[in-house]
Every structure is written in C-alpha cells, then in structure tokens.
N, C-alpha and C. Protein backbone atom coordinates (compact mmCIF):
# COMPACT_ATOMS: atom_id res chain seq x y z
N MET A 1 38.93 -37.75 -145.19
CA MET A 1 38.30 -37.90 -143.89
C MET A 1 38.44 -36.62 -143.06
N ARG A 2 39.65 -36.01 -143.11
CA ARG A 2 39.87 -34.77 -142.36
C ARG A 2 38.96 -33.65 -142.87
N GLN A 3 38.78 -33.64 -144.17
CA GLN A 3 37.94 -32.60 -144.75
C GLN A 3 36.49 -32.75 -144.27
N LYS A 4 36.01 -33.98 -144.16
CA LYS A 4 34.65 -34.23 -143.67
C LYS A 4 34.53 -33.82 -142.21
N LEU A 5 35.55 -34.12 -141.40
CA LEU A 5 35.53 -33.75 -139.99
C LEU A 5 35.55 -32.22 -139.84
N ALA A 6 36.36 -31.55 -140.65
CA ALA A 6 36.43 -30.09 -140.59
C ALA A 6 35.08 -29.48 -140.99
N LEU A 7 34.46 -30.04 -142.02
CA LEU A 7 33.16 -29.57 -142.46
C LEU A 7 32.10 -29.80 -141.38
N ALA A 8 32.13 -30.94 -140.74
CA ALA A 8 31.18 -31.24 -139.65
C ALA A 8 31.40 -30.29 -138.48
N ALA A 9 32.64 -30.03 -138.14
CA ALA A 9 32.95 -29.12 -137.04
C ALA A 9 32.45 -27.71 -137.36
N ALA A 10 32.64 -27.27 -138.58
CA ALA A 10 32.17 -25.95 -138.98
C ALA A 10 30.64 -25.88 -138.91
N ALA A 11 29.98 -26.94 -139.33
CA ALA A 11 28.51 -26.97 -139.27
C ALA A 11 28.02 -26.88 -137.83
N ILE A 12 28.69 -27.58 -136.92
CA ILE A 12 28.31 -27.54 -135.51
C ILE A 12 28.52 -26.14 -134.94
N ILE A 13 29.62 -25.51 -135.29
CA ILE A 13 29.90 -24.16 -134.80
C ILE A 13 28.86 -23.18 -135.31
N PHE A 14 28.51 -23.26 -136.60
CA PHE A 14 27.50 -22.37 -137.15
C PHE A 14 26.12 -22.61 -136.52
N ALA A 15 25.80 -23.88 -136.28
CA ALA A 15 24.51 -24.20 -135.64
C ALA A 15 24.46 -23.63 -134.22
N ALA A 16 25.55 -23.80 -133.48
CA ALA A 16 25.60 -23.27 -132.11
C ALA A 16 25.50 -21.74 -132.13
N ALA A 17 26.18 -21.11 -133.06
CA ALA A 17 26.11 -19.66 -133.18
C ALA A 17 24.68 -19.22 -133.49
N GLY A 18 24.01 -19.96 -134.34
CA GLY A 18 22.62 -19.64 -134.67
C GLY A 18 21.71 -19.73 -133.46
N VAL A 19 21.89 -20.78 -132.66
CA VAL A 19 21.10 -20.94 -131.44
C VAL A 19 21.37 -19.78 -130.48
N LEU A 20 22.62 -19.41 -130.31
CA LEU A 20 22.97 -18.31 -129.42
C LEU A 20 22.37 -16.98 -129.89
N VAL A 21 22.43 -16.72 -131.19
CA VAL A 21 21.85 -15.49 -131.73
C VAL A 21 20.34 -15.49 -131.50
N TYR A 22 19.68 -16.63 -131.72
CA TYR A 22 18.24 -16.73 -131.50
C TYR A 22 17.90 -16.43 -130.04
N GLN A 23 18.65 -17.05 -129.13
CA GLN A 23 18.40 -16.83 -127.70
C GLN A 23 18.66 -15.38 -127.31
N TRP A 24 19.70 -14.79 -127.86
CA TRP A 24 20.02 -13.40 -127.56
C TRP A 24 18.89 -12.49 -128.03
N ARG A 25 18.38 -12.73 -129.24
CA ARG A 25 17.30 -11.90 -129.78
C ARG A 25 16.02 -12.08 -128.99
N ALA A 26 15.80 -13.27 -128.42
CA ALA A 26 14.61 -13.53 -127.61
C ALA A 26 14.75 -13.00 -126.20
N GLY A 27 15.95 -12.48 -125.86
CA GLY A 27 16.15 -11.89 -124.54
C GLY A 27 16.58 -12.88 -123.48
N ALA A 28 17.04 -14.06 -123.88
CA ALA A 28 17.40 -15.08 -122.91
C ALA A 28 18.57 -14.68 -122.02
N PHE A 29 19.39 -13.74 -122.45
CA PHE A 29 20.56 -13.36 -121.67
C PHE A 29 20.35 -12.06 -120.90
N ASP A 30 19.15 -11.49 -121.01
CA ASP A 30 18.84 -10.29 -120.24
C ASP A 30 18.65 -10.66 -118.78
N SER A 31 18.79 -9.70 -117.91
CA SER A 31 18.59 -9.96 -116.49
C SER A 31 17.11 -10.16 -116.17
N GLY A 32 16.25 -9.84 -117.09
CA GLY A 32 14.82 -10.04 -116.89
C GLY A 32 14.16 -8.77 -116.37
N PRO A 33 12.84 -8.76 -116.43
CA PRO A 33 12.12 -7.58 -115.98
C PRO A 33 12.19 -7.43 -114.47
N ASP A 34 12.03 -6.21 -114.01
CA ASP A 34 12.03 -5.91 -112.58
C ASP A 34 10.85 -6.63 -111.92
N PRO A 35 11.10 -7.42 -110.86
CA PRO A 35 10.01 -8.21 -110.25
C PRO A 35 8.90 -7.37 -109.63
N VAL A 36 9.23 -6.20 -109.11
CA VAL A 36 8.20 -5.34 -108.51
C VAL A 36 7.37 -4.69 -109.61
N ALA A 37 8.04 -4.11 -110.62
CA ALA A 37 7.32 -3.46 -111.72
C ALA A 37 6.47 -4.47 -112.49
N THR A 38 6.99 -5.67 -112.67
CA THR A 38 6.23 -6.70 -113.38
C THR A 38 5.00 -7.09 -112.59
N GLY A 39 5.16 -7.25 -111.29
CA GLY A 39 4.02 -7.57 -110.43
C GLY A 39 2.96 -6.50 -110.49
N GLN A 40 3.39 -5.24 -110.47
CA GLN A 40 2.45 -4.12 -110.55
C GLN A 40 1.74 -4.11 -111.89
N ARG A 41 2.47 -4.41 -112.96
CA ARG A 41 1.87 -4.42 -114.30
C ARG A 41 0.78 -5.47 -114.39
N ILE A 42 1.04 -6.66 -113.88
CA ILE A 42 0.04 -7.73 -113.98
C ILE A 42 -1.15 -7.43 -113.08
N LEU A 43 -0.90 -6.86 -111.90
CA LEU A 43 -2.00 -6.56 -110.99
C LEU A 43 -2.91 -5.44 -111.50
N THR A 44 -2.39 -4.56 -112.33
CA THR A 44 -3.22 -3.48 -112.86
C THR A 44 -3.91 -3.85 -114.18
N ALA A 45 -3.63 -5.03 -114.69
CA ALA A 45 -4.26 -5.47 -115.94
C ALA A 45 -5.77 -5.64 -115.72
N ARG A 46 -6.53 -5.29 -116.73
CA ARG A 46 -7.98 -5.42 -116.70
C ARG A 46 -8.39 -6.25 -117.92
N LEU A 47 -9.06 -7.36 -117.65
CA LEU A 47 -9.47 -8.27 -118.71
C LEU A 47 -10.91 -8.72 -118.46
N ALA A 48 -11.54 -9.19 -119.50
CA ALA A 48 -12.90 -9.70 -119.36
C ALA A 48 -12.88 -11.09 -118.75
N GLY A 49 -13.87 -11.34 -117.91
CA GLY A 49 -14.08 -12.68 -117.41
C GLY A 49 -14.83 -13.49 -118.46
N VAL A 50 -15.06 -14.74 -118.19
CA VAL A 50 -15.80 -15.60 -119.12
C VAL A 50 -17.20 -15.05 -119.34
N ASP A 51 -17.75 -14.36 -118.32
CA ASP A 51 -19.09 -13.78 -118.42
C ASP A 51 -19.11 -12.44 -119.15
N GLY A 52 -17.92 -11.94 -119.54
CA GLY A 52 -17.84 -10.67 -120.26
C GLY A 52 -17.58 -9.46 -119.37
N ALA A 53 -17.74 -9.60 -118.06
CA ALA A 53 -17.51 -8.48 -117.15
C ALA A 53 -16.01 -8.24 -116.99
N THR A 54 -15.60 -6.97 -117.08
CA THR A 54 -14.18 -6.63 -116.95
C THR A 54 -13.77 -6.72 -115.49
N GLN A 55 -12.61 -7.33 -115.28
CA GLN A 55 -12.07 -7.50 -113.93
C GLN A 55 -10.62 -7.06 -113.91
N SER A 56 -10.17 -6.65 -112.74
CA SER A 56 -8.77 -6.30 -112.55
C SER A 56 -8.14 -7.36 -111.66
N LEU A 57 -6.91 -7.70 -111.94
CA LEU A 57 -6.22 -8.65 -111.08
C LEU A 57 -5.89 -8.04 -109.72
N GLU A 58 -6.06 -6.73 -109.61
CA GLU A 58 -5.85 -6.01 -108.36
C GLU A 58 -6.70 -6.60 -107.23
N GLN A 59 -7.85 -7.16 -107.57
CA GLN A 59 -8.74 -7.72 -106.55
C GLN A 59 -8.10 -8.87 -105.76
N TRP A 60 -7.01 -9.44 -106.28
CA TRP A 60 -6.35 -10.54 -105.59
C TRP A 60 -5.04 -10.10 -104.93
N ARG A 61 -4.80 -8.79 -104.88
CA ARG A 61 -3.60 -8.29 -104.19
C ARG A 61 -3.64 -8.78 -102.74
N GLY A 62 -2.49 -9.14 -102.21
CA GLY A 62 -2.42 -9.64 -100.84
C GLY A 62 -2.47 -11.15 -100.75
N LYS A 63 -2.77 -11.79 -101.86
CA LYS A 63 -2.75 -13.26 -101.91
C LYS A 63 -1.47 -13.70 -102.61
N VAL A 64 -1.13 -14.96 -102.43
CA VAL A 64 -0.06 -15.55 -103.23
C VAL A 64 -0.72 -15.93 -104.54
N LEU A 65 -0.32 -15.26 -105.59
CA LEU A 65 -1.03 -15.33 -106.86
C LEU A 65 -0.24 -16.12 -107.90
N VAL A 66 -0.92 -17.04 -108.56
CA VAL A 66 -0.34 -17.76 -109.69
C VAL A 66 -1.15 -17.35 -110.91
N VAL A 67 -0.53 -16.62 -111.81
CA VAL A 67 -1.18 -16.16 -113.03
C VAL A 67 -0.67 -17.03 -114.17
N ASN A 68 -1.61 -17.68 -114.85
CA ASN A 68 -1.26 -18.63 -115.89
C ASN A 68 -1.87 -18.22 -117.22
N PHE A 69 -1.02 -17.92 -118.20
CA PHE A 69 -1.47 -17.65 -119.56
C PHE A 69 -1.60 -19.00 -120.26
N TRP A 70 -2.75 -19.25 -120.87
CA TRP A 70 -3.03 -20.56 -121.44
C TRP A 70 -4.06 -20.45 -122.56
N ALA A 71 -4.38 -21.59 -123.18
CA ALA A 71 -5.43 -21.65 -124.19
C ALA A 71 -6.00 -23.07 -124.22
N THR A 72 -7.25 -23.18 -124.64
CA THR A 72 -7.89 -24.50 -124.70
C THR A 72 -7.24 -25.39 -125.75
N TRP A 73 -6.65 -24.79 -126.77
CA TRP A 73 -6.03 -25.54 -127.86
C TRP A 73 -4.58 -25.91 -127.58
N CYS A 74 -4.06 -25.52 -126.43
CA CYS A 74 -2.65 -25.73 -126.07
C CYS A 74 -2.52 -27.01 -125.23
N ALA A 75 -1.93 -28.05 -125.80
CA ALA A 75 -1.82 -29.34 -125.10
C ALA A 75 -1.04 -29.24 -123.78
N PRO A 76 0.11 -28.57 -123.73
CA PRO A 76 0.80 -28.45 -122.44
C PRO A 76 -0.02 -27.69 -121.40
N CYS A 77 -0.80 -26.71 -121.85
CA CYS A 77 -1.67 -25.97 -120.93
C CYS A 77 -2.70 -26.91 -120.31
N ARG A 78 -3.29 -27.72 -121.15
CA ARG A 78 -4.31 -28.66 -120.69
C ARG A 78 -3.71 -29.68 -119.73
N GLU A 79 -2.45 -29.99 -119.91
CA GLU A 79 -1.77 -30.96 -119.06
C GLU A 79 -1.56 -30.44 -117.63
N GLU A 80 -1.28 -29.15 -117.48
CA GLU A 80 -0.98 -28.61 -116.16
C GLU A 80 -2.22 -28.20 -115.36
N ILE A 81 -3.33 -27.98 -116.01
CA ILE A 81 -4.53 -27.48 -115.33
C ILE A 81 -5.04 -28.40 -114.22
N PRO A 82 -5.08 -29.72 -114.39
CA PRO A 82 -5.55 -30.55 -113.27
C PRO A 82 -4.74 -30.35 -111.98
N GLU A 83 -3.44 -30.13 -112.10
CA GLU A 83 -2.63 -29.87 -110.91
C GLU A 83 -2.98 -28.52 -110.29
N PHE A 84 -3.27 -27.53 -111.14
CA PHE A 84 -3.67 -26.22 -110.63
C PHE A 84 -4.98 -26.34 -109.85
N ILE A 85 -5.91 -27.13 -110.37
CA ILE A 85 -7.20 -27.33 -109.71
C ILE A 85 -6.97 -27.94 -108.32
N LYS A 86 -6.13 -28.97 -108.25
CA LYS A 86 -5.83 -29.61 -106.96
C LYS A 86 -5.16 -28.65 -106.00
N PHE A 87 -4.17 -27.91 -106.50
CA PHE A 87 -3.43 -27.00 -105.63
C PHE A 87 -4.34 -25.88 -105.13
N GLN A 88 -5.21 -25.36 -105.98
CA GLN A 88 -6.15 -24.31 -105.57
C GLN A 88 -7.06 -24.84 -104.47
N ALA A 89 -7.59 -26.05 -104.64
CA ALA A 89 -8.49 -26.64 -103.65
C ALA A 89 -7.78 -26.85 -102.31
N ASN A 90 -6.53 -27.29 -102.37
CA ASN A 90 -5.80 -27.62 -101.14
C ASN A 90 -5.23 -26.41 -100.41
N HIS A 91 -5.01 -25.29 -101.10
CA HIS A 91 -4.30 -24.17 -100.50
C HIS A 91 -5.03 -22.83 -100.54
N ALA A 92 -6.25 -22.80 -101.03
CA ALA A 92 -7.00 -21.54 -101.10
C ALA A 92 -7.16 -20.91 -99.72
N ALA A 93 -7.43 -21.72 -98.70
CA ALA A 93 -7.64 -21.19 -97.35
C ALA A 93 -6.38 -20.55 -96.79
N LYS A 94 -5.22 -20.88 -97.36
CA LYS A 94 -3.95 -20.31 -96.91
C LYS A 94 -3.58 -19.06 -97.71
N GLY A 95 -4.45 -18.64 -98.61
CA GLY A 95 -4.21 -17.41 -99.35
C GLY A 95 -3.65 -17.58 -100.74
N VAL A 96 -3.74 -18.77 -101.32
CA VAL A 96 -3.29 -18.99 -102.69
C VAL A 96 -4.44 -18.71 -103.64
N GLN A 97 -4.15 -18.00 -104.72
CA GLN A 97 -5.17 -17.74 -105.74
C GLN A 97 -4.57 -17.94 -107.13
N PHE A 98 -5.11 -18.90 -107.85
CA PHE A 98 -4.76 -19.10 -109.25
C PHE A 98 -5.69 -18.23 -110.09
N VAL A 99 -5.17 -17.68 -111.17
CA VAL A 99 -5.98 -16.94 -112.14
C VAL A 99 -5.48 -17.35 -113.52
N GLY A 100 -6.38 -17.83 -114.34
CA GLY A 100 -6.02 -18.18 -115.71
C GLY A 100 -6.36 -17.05 -116.65
N ILE A 101 -5.43 -16.73 -117.53
CA ILE A 101 -5.68 -15.74 -118.58
C ILE A 101 -5.63 -16.49 -119.90
N ALA A 102 -6.80 -16.65 -120.50
CA ALA A 102 -6.92 -17.46 -121.70
C ALA A 102 -6.71 -16.65 -122.97
N VAL A 103 -5.91 -17.19 -123.84
CA VAL A 103 -5.71 -16.64 -125.19
C VAL A 103 -6.68 -17.43 -126.06
N ASP A 104 -7.94 -17.07 -125.99
CA ASP A 104 -8.99 -17.91 -126.55
C ASP A 104 -10.28 -17.12 -126.63
N THR A 105 -11.38 -17.79 -126.90
CA THR A 105 -12.68 -17.14 -126.92
C THR A 105 -13.43 -17.49 -125.63
N PRO A 106 -14.29 -16.58 -125.17
CA PRO A 106 -15.03 -16.86 -123.93
C PRO A 106 -15.86 -18.15 -124.01
N GLU A 107 -16.43 -18.42 -125.17
CA GLU A 107 -17.27 -19.62 -125.33
C GLU A 107 -16.45 -20.90 -125.13
N ARG A 108 -15.31 -20.96 -125.78
CA ARG A 108 -14.47 -22.16 -125.65
C ARG A 108 -13.94 -22.33 -124.24
N VAL A 109 -13.58 -21.21 -123.61
CA VAL A 109 -13.06 -21.26 -122.24
C VAL A 109 -14.15 -21.73 -121.29
N ALA A 110 -15.37 -21.22 -121.43
CA ALA A 110 -16.48 -21.62 -120.55
C ALA A 110 -16.76 -23.11 -120.66
N ILE A 111 -16.78 -23.63 -121.88
CA ILE A 111 -17.04 -25.06 -122.08
C ILE A 111 -15.93 -25.90 -121.45
N TYR A 112 -14.68 -25.53 -121.70
CA TYR A 112 -13.55 -26.28 -121.16
C TYR A 112 -13.53 -26.20 -119.63
N ALA A 113 -13.79 -25.02 -119.08
CA ALA A 113 -13.78 -24.85 -117.62
C ALA A 113 -14.82 -25.75 -116.97
N LYS A 114 -15.98 -25.85 -117.58
CA LYS A 114 -17.04 -26.70 -117.03
C LYS A 114 -16.64 -28.17 -117.12
N GLU A 115 -16.10 -28.58 -118.26
CA GLU A 115 -15.67 -29.98 -118.44
C GLU A 115 -14.61 -30.38 -117.41
N MET A 116 -13.67 -29.47 -117.14
CA MET A 116 -12.54 -29.77 -116.25
C MET A 116 -12.86 -29.49 -114.78
N GLY A 117 -13.89 -28.73 -114.51
CA GLY A 117 -14.20 -28.36 -113.13
C GLY A 117 -13.19 -27.36 -112.59
N ILE A 118 -12.80 -26.40 -113.41
CA ILE A 118 -11.81 -25.41 -112.98
C ILE A 118 -12.41 -24.58 -111.84
N ASN A 119 -11.67 -24.51 -110.74
CA ASN A 119 -12.15 -23.89 -109.50
C ASN A 119 -11.48 -22.55 -109.20
N TYR A 120 -10.95 -21.92 -110.20
CA TYR A 120 -10.32 -20.62 -110.01
C TYR A 120 -10.77 -19.69 -111.14
N PRO A 121 -10.63 -18.38 -110.94
CA PRO A 121 -11.12 -17.42 -111.94
C PRO A 121 -10.39 -17.53 -113.27
N LEU A 122 -11.14 -17.35 -114.33
CA LEU A 122 -10.58 -17.35 -115.68
C LEU A 122 -10.93 -16.02 -116.35
N LEU A 123 -9.92 -15.38 -116.88
CA LEU A 123 -10.09 -14.16 -117.64
C LEU A 123 -9.76 -14.48 -119.09
N VAL A 124 -10.35 -13.75 -120.00
CA VAL A 124 -10.16 -14.03 -121.42
C VAL A 124 -9.62 -12.78 -122.09
N GLY A 125 -8.41 -12.89 -122.60
CA GLY A 125 -7.80 -11.73 -123.24
C GLY A 125 -7.67 -11.88 -124.74
N GLY A 126 -7.99 -13.04 -125.25
CA GLY A 126 -7.79 -13.25 -126.67
C GLY A 126 -6.32 -13.07 -127.03
N ILE A 127 -6.04 -12.81 -128.27
CA ILE A 127 -4.67 -12.68 -128.74
C ILE A 127 -3.98 -11.46 -128.12
N GLU A 128 -4.77 -10.45 -127.72
CA GLU A 128 -4.19 -9.26 -127.09
C GLU A 128 -3.48 -9.60 -125.78
N SER A 129 -3.91 -10.65 -125.13
CA SER A 129 -3.28 -11.02 -123.85
C SER A 129 -1.86 -11.53 -124.06
N MET A 130 -1.52 -11.92 -125.28
CA MET A 130 -0.13 -12.32 -125.56
C MET A 130 0.80 -11.11 -125.43
N GLU A 131 0.29 -9.93 -125.77
CA GLU A 131 1.10 -8.71 -125.58
C GLU A 131 1.33 -8.46 -124.10
N LEU A 132 0.30 -8.67 -123.29
CA LEU A 132 0.46 -8.56 -121.84
C LEU A 132 1.49 -9.57 -121.34
N ALA A 133 1.40 -10.80 -121.84
CA ALA A 133 2.37 -11.83 -121.43
C ALA A 133 3.79 -11.41 -121.79
N ARG A 134 3.98 -10.83 -122.96
CA ARG A 134 5.31 -10.35 -123.35
C ARG A 134 5.78 -9.24 -122.41
N GLU A 135 4.88 -8.34 -122.07
CA GLU A 135 5.22 -7.23 -121.17
C GLU A 135 5.68 -7.73 -119.81
N VAL A 136 5.16 -8.87 -119.38
CA VAL A 136 5.50 -9.38 -118.05
C VAL A 136 6.50 -10.55 -118.12
N GLY A 137 7.22 -10.64 -119.25
CA GLY A 137 8.34 -11.56 -119.30
C GLY A 137 8.32 -12.70 -120.28
N ASP A 138 7.22 -12.95 -120.97
CA ASP A 138 7.16 -14.06 -121.92
C ASP A 138 7.70 -13.62 -123.27
N ARG A 139 9.01 -13.42 -123.32
CA ARG A 139 9.64 -12.89 -124.54
C ARG A 139 9.50 -13.82 -125.73
N ALA A 140 9.45 -15.11 -125.47
CA ALA A 140 9.34 -16.07 -126.57
C ALA A 140 7.91 -16.14 -127.11
N GLY A 141 6.95 -15.65 -126.35
CA GLY A 141 5.56 -15.66 -126.81
C GLY A 141 4.97 -17.05 -126.88
N VAL A 142 5.30 -17.91 -125.90
CA VAL A 142 4.82 -19.28 -125.90
C VAL A 142 3.83 -19.51 -124.76
N LEU A 143 3.03 -20.52 -124.91
CA LEU A 143 2.10 -20.96 -123.88
C LEU A 143 2.43 -22.38 -123.47
N PRO A 144 2.19 -22.72 -122.24
CA PRO A 144 1.75 -21.88 -121.14
C PRO A 144 2.89 -21.04 -120.60
N TYR A 145 2.49 -19.97 -119.92
CA TYR A 145 3.45 -19.08 -119.26
C TYR A 145 2.83 -18.69 -117.93
N SER A 146 3.58 -18.87 -116.84
CA SER A 146 3.05 -18.60 -115.51
C SER A 146 3.95 -17.67 -114.72
N LEU A 147 3.31 -16.88 -113.86
CA LEU A 147 4.02 -16.01 -112.93
C LEU A 147 3.53 -16.36 -111.52
N ILE A 148 4.45 -16.37 -110.58
CA ILE A 148 4.09 -16.55 -109.18
C ILE A 148 4.43 -15.24 -108.49
N ILE A 149 3.42 -14.65 -107.84
CA ILE A 149 3.54 -13.33 -107.24
C ILE A 149 3.27 -13.45 -105.75
N ASP A 150 4.15 -12.86 -104.94
CA ASP A 150 3.97 -12.95 -103.49
C ASP A 150 2.91 -11.96 -103.01
N ARG A 151 2.64 -11.98 -101.73
CA ARG A 151 1.57 -11.16 -101.15
C ARG A 151 1.81 -9.67 -101.31
N SER A 152 3.06 -9.25 -101.47
CA SER A 152 3.36 -7.83 -101.63
C SER A 152 3.30 -7.38 -103.09
N GLY A 153 3.04 -8.30 -104.02
CA GLY A 153 2.94 -7.95 -105.44
C GLY A 153 4.23 -8.10 -106.21
N ARG A 154 5.21 -8.77 -105.64
CA ARG A 154 6.51 -8.97 -106.29
C ARG A 154 6.52 -10.33 -107.01
N VAL A 155 6.98 -10.34 -108.25
CA VAL A 155 7.08 -11.60 -108.99
C VAL A 155 8.24 -12.40 -108.41
N ILE A 156 7.93 -13.60 -107.96
CA ILE A 156 8.92 -14.49 -107.35
C ILE A 156 9.50 -15.43 -108.40
N ALA A 157 8.67 -15.86 -109.34
CA ALA A 157 9.13 -16.81 -110.36
C ALA A 157 8.29 -16.66 -111.62
N THR A 158 8.92 -16.94 -112.75
CA THR A 158 8.21 -17.05 -114.03
C THR A 158 8.59 -18.39 -114.63
N VAL A 159 7.62 -19.00 -115.28
CA VAL A 159 7.86 -20.32 -115.87
C VAL A 159 7.31 -20.33 -117.28
N VAL A 160 8.20 -20.59 -118.23
CA VAL A 160 7.80 -20.79 -119.62
C VAL A 160 7.61 -22.29 -119.79
N GLY A 161 6.45 -22.69 -120.27
CA GLY A 161 6.16 -24.11 -120.39
C GLY A 161 5.39 -24.61 -119.18
N ILE A 162 5.30 -25.91 -119.07
CA ILE A 162 4.52 -26.52 -118.00
C ILE A 162 5.12 -26.20 -116.64
N LEU A 163 4.26 -25.75 -115.72
CA LEU A 163 4.66 -25.51 -114.34
C LEU A 163 4.45 -26.83 -113.60
N LYS A 164 5.55 -27.53 -113.39
CA LYS A 164 5.50 -28.86 -112.77
C LYS A 164 5.06 -28.75 -111.31
N PRO A 165 4.34 -29.75 -110.82
CA PRO A 165 3.86 -29.72 -109.43
C PRO A 165 4.99 -29.54 -108.41
N GLU A 166 6.15 -30.14 -108.67
CA GLU A 166 7.28 -30.02 -107.74
C GLU A 166 7.75 -28.57 -107.64
N LYS A 167 7.87 -27.90 -108.77
CA LYS A 167 8.30 -26.49 -108.79
C LYS A 167 7.23 -25.61 -108.14
N LEU A 168 5.99 -25.90 -108.44
CA LEU A 168 4.88 -25.14 -107.87
C LEU A 168 4.91 -25.23 -106.35
N GLU A 169 5.03 -26.42 -105.84
CA GLU A 169 5.06 -26.63 -104.39
C GLU A 169 6.29 -25.99 -103.76
N LYS A 170 7.44 -26.21 -104.36
CA LYS A 170 8.70 -25.67 -103.83
C LYS A 170 8.66 -24.13 -103.78
N THR A 171 8.02 -23.51 -104.76
CA THR A 171 7.98 -22.06 -104.83
C THR A 171 6.88 -21.48 -103.95
N LEU A 172 5.71 -22.09 -103.96
CA LEU A 172 4.55 -21.52 -103.25
C LEU A 172 4.55 -21.75 -101.75
N LEU A 173 4.88 -22.95 -101.32
CA LEU A 173 4.73 -23.26 -99.90
C LEU A 173 5.51 -22.32 -98.97
N PRO A 174 6.72 -21.90 -99.29
CA PRO A 174 7.40 -20.95 -98.41
C PRO A 174 6.71 -19.58 -98.34
N LEU A 175 5.87 -19.27 -99.30
CA LEU A 175 5.19 -17.97 -99.34
C LEU A 175 3.90 -17.95 -98.50
N LEU A 176 3.47 -19.12 -98.05
CA LEU A 176 2.17 -19.19 -97.33
C LEU A 176 2.27 -18.77 -95.89
C-alpha cells in the first residue's frame, strides 16, 4: 500500500512539474508586455476590412477600444459576440469602440456578421493575425483574445478566452 501511495505521489509531483514547465514556456510567469508599447503596436496595425480595404486601428485612437481576436469557427468567440453587440450599442456614444480581428476569410466573416447583426468594425487578418495577437500578449495563441485600451492608447486589460460581461463592464465603465 505504501508503495502505491509513493508512486501516486511521485506521479502527482511530475504532473505538477509538467504543468509548471508548460506555463513557464508559454510565458505565464512573465510580467507581460509593456501596456503603452502594446497599445501602440495594436494601434499601428493595418489589416483588411471585410470589403478588402486596408484600415489602421489608429483611426480609433482616443476612444476606449476593445480589440477582439476571433474566428467564425471558434465556439467561445461566437458566444461572446452578442454581448459585444449589446455593449457597443449601449456605449458607443460614450466613446467605446469594439473592433473584431478575424482569423478567418472575408467571405465567412461577412456572412456571419450579417447573420449576427454585428454593429462594430471587423478586420480580417487570416492566420497572419495570430502573429499580431502573439505580439500583443496572446502567448498561448488561443482564441478568443481581447485587449481593452484606454483613450491614451494604453492597454488596461488583456483577456484570454471569453470576455465575460461582468469583467467587460467592470473594466470599461471607469474609463468612460
């Protein structure tokens, strides 16, 4: 019995060590990117819109910006979009601007945007936009990934996974 307990304890220790090494390699213990430099990097990004015209996120400087990396095939992404639509409608007049950056094709994004009634700009970066997401803090390379940027261009928060309405409200409302 003692031998089985010792073996189980060793297995738990090795599993925990593996998780820690994985997190360390993914950058989970880093202090994170500089919020000002990250904000500047995202604002200077240039991506195609659904219509194919290249746009810069710089056009939304001075607004409280929520930049969301997503895809039509990503179930958690699809789950958070209705809340983004509501929040954009309710707070646009106060200077809030959502921008979606799709890791997808323009055709699929256009169809999905129409079906959902998305009321904020969508840019399409394809798989290359995942590199941009990594540059601005998405070390794990997962979707959805969101950044909240204040009016001065400083990243206030980053969220890997679904941006819950409570977190969105708690983070954005003080910035308005």
